[in-house]
Amino acid sequence: QVQLVESGGGLVQAGGSLRLSCAASGRTFSSYYMGWFRQAPGKEREFVGAISKNGGNTYYADSVKGRFTISRDNAKNTLYLQMNSLKPEDTAVYYCAASVTLPLTRLTMRSQYDYWGQGTQVTVSS
């Protein structure tokens, strides 16, 4: 089992940047695929991106591709989401999630992830 705690959210103007962190504790962090999801008010939680266990492969939703970057530091048990060129439509609660197994065909599916953090609010003003 792994416990996940997100941090780094806040209020930023459109065009600005934020870096989210997700600290993991418990079972070995490097044994999990990791993902980021977000949920805007009144909307379903949606996939943002994912990263392989060793960080060698990353995957992104089309809506954030080229603006967001996922990375991980297995020595520090931490997952990151660097968000640049932020837009008002990026406003949401952002969640990190861990998956023991993550087939490429399922990496966007919430049900594929076994553990979730509590979320951190990101608000982008226009």
Foldseek 3Di string as FASTA:
>chain_A
DKAKAKDWADEEAAQAKTKMKIAIDDPQLLLWKKFKWWDDPPGDIWGAKIAHSVRPDIDGDPVQPPFWDWGDDSVRRMIMIIGGRDDQVVWTWMKMFIANDDDPVCNTPPVRTDDIYPTDTHGYHD
